[in-house]
């Protein structure tokens, strides 16, 4: 299961109702053992630090990404883990190539 950008739940819900939801959700996940249910939760830790701290407390593993989407930190149960070697970011498109792509789209 993937839950993307948990912070958006705060638009229409209180933090207390979100915490209740995740408390109940974690009970469902635990009850699914040994078959198992994996959950990936994405959110910006700086946007809502209290919510992030709560979610991180329920999580067994945390992977922090930088603005370039490369792995900055990995922790499991609050224990740091080695960060895998970083891949080189994809080169950006040069301005001439980008202009050529834009022109091609305009012609179509």
C-alpha atoms as a PDB file:
ATOM      1  CA  UNK A   1       0.000   0.000   0.000  1.00  0.00           C
ATOM      2  CA  UNK A   2       1.301   3.464  -0.838  1.00  0.00           C
ATOM      3  CA  UNK A   3       0.012   6.518   1.007  1.00  0.00           C
ATOM      4  CA  UNK A   4       1.395   9.567  -0.756  1.00  0.00           C
ATOM      5  CA  UNK A   5       1.796  12.924   0.956  1.00  0.00           C
ATOM      6  CA  UNK A   6       0.131  12.282   4.291  1.00  0.00           C
ATOM      7  CA  UNK A   7       0.327  16.029   5.001  1.00  0.00           C
ATOM      8  CA  UNK A   8      -2.575  16.685   2.636  1.00  0.00           C
ATOM      9  CA  UNK A   9      -4.862  14.865   5.077  1.00  0.00           C
ATOM     10  CA  UNK A  10      -4.553  17.938   7.299  1.00  0.00           C
ATOM     11  CA  UNK A  11      -6.545  19.927   4.750  1.00  0.00           C
ATOM     12  CA  UNK A  12      -9.823  18.341   5.873  1.00  0.00           C
ATOM     13  CA  UNK A  13      -8.868  16.459   9.077  1.00  0.00           C
ATOM     14  CA  UNK A  14      -7.424  17.313  12.453  1.00  0.00           C
ATOM     15  CA  UNK A  15      -4.077  15.879  13.465  1.00  0.00           C
ATOM     16  CA  UNK A  16      -5.880  13.934  16.217  1.00  0.00           C
ATOM     17  CA  UNK A  17      -8.207  12.238  13.708  1.00  0.00           C
ATOM     18  CA  UNK A  18      -5.215  11.378  11.496  1.00  0.00           C
ATOM     19  CA  UNK A  19      -3.423   9.861  14.491  1.00  0.00           C
ATOM     20  CA  UNK A  20      -6.524   7.791  15.319  1.00  0.00           C
ATOM     21  CA  UNK A  21      -6.669   6.593  11.713  1.00  0.00           C
ATOM     22  CA  UNK A  22      -3.021   5.500  11.738  1.00  0.00           C
ATOM     23  CA  UNK A  23      -3.377   3.854  15.144  1.00  0.00           C
ATOM     24  CA  UNK A  24      -6.243   1.748  13.758  1.00  0.00           C
ATOM     25  CA  UNK A  25      -4.414   1.174  10.483  1.00  0.00           C
ATOM     26  CA  UNK A  26      -1.351  -0.119  12.339  1.00  0.00           C
ATOM     27  CA  UNK A  27      -3.626  -2.567  14.204  1.00  0.00           C
ATOM     28  CA  UNK A  28      -4.886  -3.880  10.858  1.00  0.00           C
ATOM     29  CA  UNK A  29      -1.316  -4.237   9.567  1.00  0.00           C
ATOM     30  CA  UNK A  30      -0.242  -6.144  12.684  1.00  0.00           C
ATOM     31  CA  UNK A  31      -3.303  -8.420  12.397  1.00  0.00           C
ATOM     32  CA  UNK A  32      -2.320  -9.260   8.791  1.00  0.00           C
ATOM     33  CA  UNK A  33       0.776 -11.100  10.006  1.00  0.00           C
ATOM     34  CA  UNK A  34       2.215 -13.533   8.997  1.00  0.00           C
ATOM     35  CA  UNK A  35       0.803 -12.888   5.503  1.00  0.00           C
ATOM     36  CA  UNK A  36       2.008  -9.325   5.783  1.00  0.00           C
ATOM     37  CA  UNK A  37       1.096  -5.922   4.497  1.00  0.00           C
ATOM     38  CA  UNK A  38       3.749  -3.419   3.488  1.00  0.00           C
ATOM     39  CA  UNK A  39       2.991   0.283   3.624  1.00  0.00           C
ATOM     40  CA  UNK A  40       5.012   3.110   2.088  1.00  0.00           C
ATOM     41  CA  UNK A  41       4.174   6.571   3.378  1.00  0.00           C
ATOM     42  CA  UNK A  42       5.535   9.688   1.695  1.00  0.00           C
ATOM     43  CA  UNK A  43       5.596  13.116   3.284  1.00  0.00           C
ATOM     44  CA  UNK A  44       7.722  16.214   3.757  1.00  0.00           C
ATOM     45  CA  UNK A  45       9.208  16.024   7.247  1.00  0.00           C
ATOM     46  CA  UNK A  46       9.691  19.803   7.397  1.00  0.00           C
ATOM     47  CA  UNK A  47       6.152  20.755   6.373  1.00  0.00           C
ATOM     48  CA  UNK A  48       4.428  19.166   9.401  1.00  0.00           C
ATOM     49  CA  UNK A  49       7.090  17.992  11.880  1.00  0.00           C
ATOM     50  CA  UNK A  50       4.594  16.822  14.541  1.00  0.00           C
ATOM     51  CA  UNK A  51       2.779  14.567  12.084  1.00  0.00           C
ATOM     52  CA  UNK A  52       6.101  13.285  10.721  1.00  0.00           C
ATOM     53  CA  UNK A  53       7.310  12.440  14.232  1.00  0.00           C
ATOM     54  CA  UNK A  54       4.099  10.503  14.922  1.00  0.00           C
ATOM     55  CA  UNK A  55       4.273   8.576  11.615  1.00  0.00           C
ATOM     56  CA  UNK A  56       7.993   7.871  12.110  1.00  0.00           C
ATOM     57  CA  UNK A  57       7.192   6.430  15.538  1.00  0.00           C
ATOM     58  CA  UNK A  58       4.906   3.854  13.892  1.00  0.00           C
ATOM     59  CA  UNK A  59       7.427   3.009  11.188  1.00  0.00           C
ATOM     60  CA  UNK A  60      10.098   0.341  11.243  1.00  0.00           C
ATOM     61  CA  UNK A  61      12.201   2.020   8.554  1.00  0.00           C
ATOM     62  CA  UNK A  62      12.662   5.602   7.373  1.00  0.00           C
ATOM     63  CA  UNK A  63      14.352   6.715   4.159  1.00  0.00           C
ATOM     64  CA  UNK A  64      15.116  10.422   3.860  1.00  0.00           C
ATOM     65  CA  UNK A  65      15.530  11.840   0.363  1.00  0.00           C
ATOM     66  CA  UNK A  66      17.193  15.103  -0.566  1.00  0.00           C
ATOM     67  CA  UNK A  67      15.803  17.676  -2.996  1.00  0.00           C
ATOM     68  CA  UNK A  68      17.635  15.822  -5.790  1.00  0.00           C
ATOM     69  CA  UNK A  69      15.714  12.633  -4.791  1.00  0.00           C
ATOM     70  CA  UNK A  70      18.931  10.875  -3.750  1.00  0.00           C
ATOM     71  CA  UNK A  71      18.974   8.972  -0.446  1.00  0.00           C
ATOM     72  CA  UNK A  72      20.323  11.139   2.389  1.00  0.00           C
ATOM     73  CA  UNK A  73      19.654   8.884   5.366  1.00  0.00           C
ATOM     74  CA  UNK A  74      18.216   5.472   6.207  1.00  0.00           C
ATOM     75  CA  UNK A  75      17.182   4.389   9.672  1.00  0.00           C
ATOM     76  CA  UNK A  76      15.457   1.302  10.996  1.00  0.00           C
ATOM     77  CA  UNK A  77      13.835   1.544  14.433  1.00  0.00           C
ATOM     78  CA  UNK A  78      15.815   4.783  15.002  1.00  0.00           C
ATOM     79  CA  UNK A  79      19.115   3.001  14.303  1.00  0.00           C
ATOM     80  CA  UNK A  80      21.162   4.567  11.482  1.00  0.00           C
ATOM     81  CA  UNK A  81      21.955   2.288   8.567  1.00  0.00           C
ATOM     82  CA  UNK A  82      24.582   2.685   5.836  1.00  0.00           C
ATOM     83  CA  UNK A  83      23.403   4.758   2.908  1.00  0.00           C
ATOM     84  CA  UNK A  84      23.843   2.966  -0.431  1.00  0.00           C
ATOM     85  CA  UNK A  85      26.259   4.481  -2.954  1.00  0.00           C
ATOM     86  CA  UNK A  86      24.557   7.309  -4.763  1.00  0.00           C
ATOM     87  CA  UNK A  87      23.768   7.159  -8.416  1.00  0.00           C
ATOM     88  CA  UNK A  88      24.793  10.164 -10.416  1.00  0.00           C
ATOM     89  CA  UNK A  89      21.793  12.429 -11.090  1.00  0.00           C
ATOM     90  CA  UNK A  90      20.648  12.439 -14.687  1.00  0.00           C
ATOM     91  CA  UNK A  91      22.214  15.275 -16.651  1.00  0.00           C
ATOM     92  CA  UNK A  92      19.911  18.175 -17.300  1.00  0.00           C
ATOM     93  CA  UNK A  93      18.836  18.972 -20.839  1.00  0.00           C
ATOM     94  CA  UNK A  94      20.885  21.782 -22.324  1.00  0.00           C
ATOM     95  CA  UNK A  95      18.991  24.934 -23.138  1.00  0.00           C
ATOM     96  CA  UNK A  96      19.482  24.419 -26.911  1.00  0.00           C
ATOM     97  CA  UNK A  97      18.058  20.907 -26.776  1.00  0.00           C
ATOM     98  CA  UNK A  98      15.209  22.079 -24.572  1.00  0.00           C
ATOM     99  CA  UNK A  99      14.387  24.885 -27.002  1.00  0.00           C
ATOM    100  CA  UNK A 100      14.454  22.347 -29.849  1.00  0.00           C
ATOM    101  CA  UNK A 101      11.995  20.129 -27.996  1.00  0.00           C
ATOM    102  CA  UNK A 102       9.718  23.107 -27.337  1.00  0.00           C
ATOM    103  CA  UNK A 103       9.868  24.118 -30.990  1.00  0.00           C
ATOM    104  CA  UNK A 104       9.044  20.553 -32.087  1.00  0.00           C
ATOM    105  CA  UNK A 105       5.994  20.543 -29.819  1.00  0.00           C
ATOM    106  CA  UNK A 106       4.828  23.911 -31.165  1.00  0.00           C
ATOM    107  CA  UNK A 107       5.075  22.653 -34.755  1.00  0.00           C
ATOM    108  CA  UNK A 108       3.004  19.533 -34.038  1.00  0.00           C
END
